[in-house]
Amino acid sequence: MAEYDQELDACGLSCPLPILRAKKALTRMGSGQVLRIIATDPGSVKDFEAFSRQTGNELLESSEDGGRFYYRLRKA
């Protein structure tokens, strides 16, 4: 079983699009569900940390592999 409920591919998008797409996806999800985001914008690291703090959605994972950034957010 996957460790997330929904996946968002934000590769090729730059700030603030990955955050905006994630916010939109989270509104369609239930409380406690997990959204996995894949991005290529290095600025998304700080963006998702700030987004998590501001919205109360828990940032479960923030990692980088080969120029791709992976995040998992649990909806508050």
N, C-alpha and C. Protein backbone atom coordinates (compact mmCIF):
# COMPACT_ATOMS: atom_id res chain seq x y z
N MET A 1 0.84 -1.20 0.00
CA MET A 1 0.00 0.00 0.00
C MET A 1 0.88 1.26 0.00
N ALA A 2 0.50 2.25 -0.76
CA ALA A 2 1.25 3.51 -0.83
C ALA A 2 1.14 4.27 0.48
N GLU A 3 2.12 5.11 0.73
CA GLU A 3 2.13 5.90 1.96
C GLU A 3 1.47 7.26 1.74
N TYR A 4 0.62 7.33 0.75
CA TYR A 4 -0.10 8.57 0.46
C TYR A 4 -1.41 8.24 -0.24
N ASP A 5 -2.35 9.17 -0.19
CA ASP A 5 -3.68 8.97 -0.77
C ASP A 5 -3.79 9.55 -2.17
N GLN A 6 -3.00 10.59 -2.43
CA GLN A 6 -3.07 11.26 -3.73
C GLN A 6 -1.69 11.77 -4.08
N GLU A 7 -1.40 11.85 -5.38
CA GLU A 7 -0.08 12.34 -5.82
C GLU A 7 -0.26 13.52 -6.75
N LEU A 8 0.61 14.51 -6.57
CA LEU A 8 0.60 15.71 -7.40
C LEU A 8 1.96 15.86 -8.07
N ASP A 9 1.97 15.88 -9.39
CA ASP A 9 3.21 16.09 -10.14
C ASP A 9 3.33 17.56 -10.48
N ALA A 10 4.25 18.25 -9.79
CA ALA A 10 4.45 19.68 -10.02
C ALA A 10 5.80 19.93 -10.69
N CYS A 11 6.33 18.90 -11.37
CA CYS A 11 7.62 19.03 -12.05
C CYS A 11 7.52 20.06 -13.17
N GLY A 12 8.56 20.90 -13.27
CA GLY A 12 8.59 21.92 -14.31
C GLY A 12 7.88 23.20 -13.93
N LEU A 13 7.18 23.19 -12.80
CA LEU A 13 6.48 24.39 -12.35
C LEU A 13 7.36 25.15 -11.36
N SER A 14 7.33 26.48 -11.44
CA SER A 14 8.10 27.25 -10.47
C SER A 14 7.17 28.00 -9.54
N CYS A 15 7.74 28.45 -8.46
CA CYS A 15 7.04 29.16 -7.40
C CYS A 15 6.13 30.23 -7.99
N PRO A 16 4.90 30.38 -7.57
CA PRO A 16 4.25 29.67 -6.46
C PRO A 16 3.36 28.51 -6.92
N LEU A 17 3.48 28.07 -8.17
CA LEU A 17 2.56 27.07 -8.70
C LEU A 17 2.52 25.75 -7.93
N PRO A 18 3.68 25.16 -7.51
CA PRO A 18 3.58 23.90 -6.75
C PRO A 18 2.72 24.05 -5.49
N ILE A 19 2.88 25.18 -4.79
CA ILE A 19 2.09 25.42 -3.57
C ILE A 19 0.61 25.58 -3.92
N LEU A 20 0.32 26.36 -4.94
CA LEU A 20 -1.08 26.59 -5.33
C LEU A 20 -1.77 25.29 -5.75
N ARG A 21 -1.05 24.46 -6.50
CA ARG A 21 -1.63 23.17 -6.91
C ARG A 21 -1.84 22.26 -5.70
N ALA A 22 -0.89 22.28 -4.77
CA ALA A 22 -1.01 21.45 -3.57
C ALA A 22 -2.19 21.91 -2.73
N LYS A 23 -2.34 23.23 -2.59
CA LYS A 23 -3.45 23.79 -1.81
C LYS A 23 -4.79 23.35 -2.41
N LYS A 24 -4.89 23.42 -3.74
CA LYS A 24 -6.11 23.02 -4.45
C LYS A 24 -6.40 21.53 -4.23
N ALA A 25 -5.35 20.70 -4.35
CA ALA A 25 -5.52 19.26 -4.17
C ALA A 25 -5.96 18.94 -2.74
N LEU A 26 -5.37 19.64 -1.76
CA LEU A 26 -5.71 19.39 -0.36
C LEU A 26 -7.16 19.74 -0.05
N THR A 27 -7.71 20.75 -0.72
CA THR A 27 -9.10 21.12 -0.45
C THR A 27 -10.07 19.99 -0.84
N ARG A 28 -9.64 19.14 -1.78
CA ARG A 28 -10.50 18.03 -2.21
C ARG A 28 -10.28 16.76 -1.38
N MET A 29 -9.36 16.84 -0.42
CA MET A 29 -9.02 15.65 0.37
C MET A 29 -9.63 15.73 1.76
N GLY A 30 -9.76 14.57 2.39
CA GLY A 30 -10.30 14.52 3.74
C GLY A 30 -9.23 14.72 4.78
N SER A 31 -9.64 15.12 5.96
CA SER A 31 -8.72 15.33 7.08
C SER A 31 -7.95 14.04 7.37
N GLY A 32 -6.63 14.17 7.52
CA GLY A 32 -5.80 13.00 7.82
C GLY A 32 -5.25 12.32 6.58
N GLN A 33 -5.77 12.67 5.40
CA GLN A 33 -5.25 12.06 4.17
C GLN A 33 -3.91 12.69 3.82
N VAL A 34 -3.10 11.94 3.06
CA VAL A 34 -1.75 12.38 2.74
C VAL A 34 -1.60 12.65 1.24
N LEU A 35 -1.03 13.82 0.94
CA LEU A 35 -0.77 14.23 -0.44
C LEU A 35 0.74 14.16 -0.67
N ARG A 36 1.14 13.47 -1.73
CA ARG A 36 2.56 13.40 -2.10
C ARG A 36 2.77 14.35 -3.28
N ILE A 37 3.78 15.20 -3.16
CA ILE A 37 4.08 16.16 -4.21
C ILE A 37 5.48 15.90 -4.75
N ILE A 38 5.62 15.93 -6.07
CA ILE A 38 6.93 15.83 -6.71
C ILE A 38 7.14 17.16 -7.43
N ALA A 39 8.26 17.82 -7.13
CA ALA A 39 8.55 19.12 -7.73
C ALA A 39 10.01 19.17 -8.20
N THR A 40 10.31 20.13 -9.07
CA THR A 40 11.68 20.30 -9.54
C THR A 40 12.24 21.67 -9.15
N ASP A 41 11.42 22.52 -8.56
CA ASP A 41 11.84 23.86 -8.17
C ASP A 41 12.56 23.80 -6.82
N PRO A 42 13.87 24.14 -6.77
CA PRO A 42 14.61 24.10 -5.51
C PRO A 42 14.00 25.03 -4.45
N GLY A 43 13.33 26.08 -4.89
CA GLY A 43 12.69 27.00 -3.95
C GLY A 43 11.49 26.38 -3.24
N SER A 44 11.02 25.25 -3.75
CA SER A 44 9.84 24.62 -3.15
C SER A 44 10.13 24.08 -1.74
N VAL A 45 11.40 23.83 -1.42
CA VAL A 45 11.74 23.32 -0.09
C VAL A 45 11.27 24.29 0.99
N LYS A 46 11.71 25.53 0.88
CA LYS A 46 11.31 26.55 1.86
C LYS A 46 9.81 26.84 1.75
N ASP A 47 9.30 26.83 0.52
CA ASP A 47 7.88 27.11 0.31
C ASP A 47 6.99 26.11 1.06
N PHE A 48 7.31 24.83 0.94
CA PHE A 48 6.46 23.82 1.59
C PHE A 48 6.62 23.83 3.11
N GLU A 49 7.81 24.18 3.60
CA GLU A 49 7.99 24.31 5.05
C GLU A 49 7.11 25.44 5.57
N ALA A 50 7.13 26.58 4.89
CA ALA A 50 6.32 27.73 5.29
C ALA A 50 4.82 27.42 5.15
N PHE A 51 4.46 26.77 4.05
CA PHE A 51 3.06 26.41 3.80
C PHE A 51 2.53 25.51 4.92
N SER A 52 3.35 24.56 5.33
CA SER A 52 2.98 23.64 6.40
C SER A 52 2.73 24.40 7.71
N ARG A 53 3.65 25.29 8.05
CA ARG A 53 3.51 26.08 9.29
C ARG A 53 2.26 26.96 9.24
N GLN A 54 2.03 27.61 8.10
CA GLN A 54 0.93 28.57 7.98
C GLN A 54 -0.45 27.91 7.93
N THR A 55 -0.52 26.70 7.38
CA THR A 55 -1.82 26.06 7.19
C THR A 55 -2.15 25.01 8.23
N GLY A 56 -1.13 24.55 8.99
CA GLY A 56 -1.37 23.50 9.97
C GLY A 56 -1.35 22.10 9.37
N ASN A 57 -1.12 22.00 8.06
CA ASN A 57 -0.97 20.69 7.42
C ASN A 57 0.43 20.18 7.76
N GLU A 58 0.53 18.93 8.18
CA GLU A 58 1.80 18.38 8.65
C GLU A 58 2.70 17.94 7.50
N LEU A 59 3.93 18.46 7.48
CA LEU A 59 4.92 18.05 6.48
C LEU A 59 5.59 16.79 6.98
N LEU A 60 5.23 15.64 6.39
CA LEU A 60 5.73 14.35 6.84
C LEU A 60 7.08 14.02 6.21
N GLU A 61 7.30 14.51 5.00
CA GLU A 61 8.54 14.19 4.29
C GLU A 61 8.95 15.36 3.42
N SER A 62 10.24 15.60 3.38
CA SER A 62 10.82 16.57 2.47
C SER A 62 12.18 16.01 2.09
N SER A 63 12.29 15.51 0.85
CA SER A 63 13.55 14.90 0.43
C SER A 63 13.85 15.27 -1.02
N GLU A 64 15.11 15.04 -1.41
CA GLU A 64 15.53 15.38 -2.76
C GLU A 64 16.29 14.19 -3.34
N ASP A 65 16.04 13.92 -4.62
CA ASP A 65 16.74 12.83 -5.28
C ASP A 65 16.89 13.18 -6.76
N GLY A 66 18.12 13.39 -7.18
CA GLY A 66 18.39 13.67 -8.59
C GLY A 66 17.69 14.88 -9.15
N GLY A 67 17.61 15.94 -8.37
CA GLY A 67 16.97 17.17 -8.84
C GLY A 67 15.47 17.20 -8.70
N ARG A 68 14.92 16.13 -8.14
CA ARG A 68 13.47 16.10 -7.87
C ARG A 68 13.27 16.18 -6.35
N PHE A 69 12.27 16.94 -5.97
CA PHE A 69 11.96 17.13 -4.56
C PHE A 69 10.65 16.43 -4.25
N TYR A 70 10.66 15.69 -3.17
CA TYR A 70 9.49 14.91 -2.77
C TYR A 70 8.97 15.39 -1.43
N TYR A 71 7.66 15.59 -1.35
CA TYR A 71 7.03 16.03 -0.12
C TYR A 71 5.81 15.17 0.14
N ARG A 72 5.55 14.97 1.41
CA ARG A 72 4.29 14.35 1.81
C ARG A 72 3.66 15.24 2.86
N LEU A 73 2.44 15.67 2.61
CA LEU A 73 1.69 16.54 3.51
C LEU A 73 0.45 15.81 4.01
N ARG A 74 0.25 15.85 5.33
CA ARG A 74 -0.98 15.28 5.90
C ARG A 74 -1.95 16.43 6.14
N LYS A 75 -3.15 16.31 5.56
CA LYS A 75 -4.13 17.37 5.72
C LYS A 75 -4.61 17.47 7.16
N ALA A 76 -4.65 18.70 7.65
CA ALA A 76 -5.07 18.95 9.03
C ALA A 76 -6.56 18.64 9.21
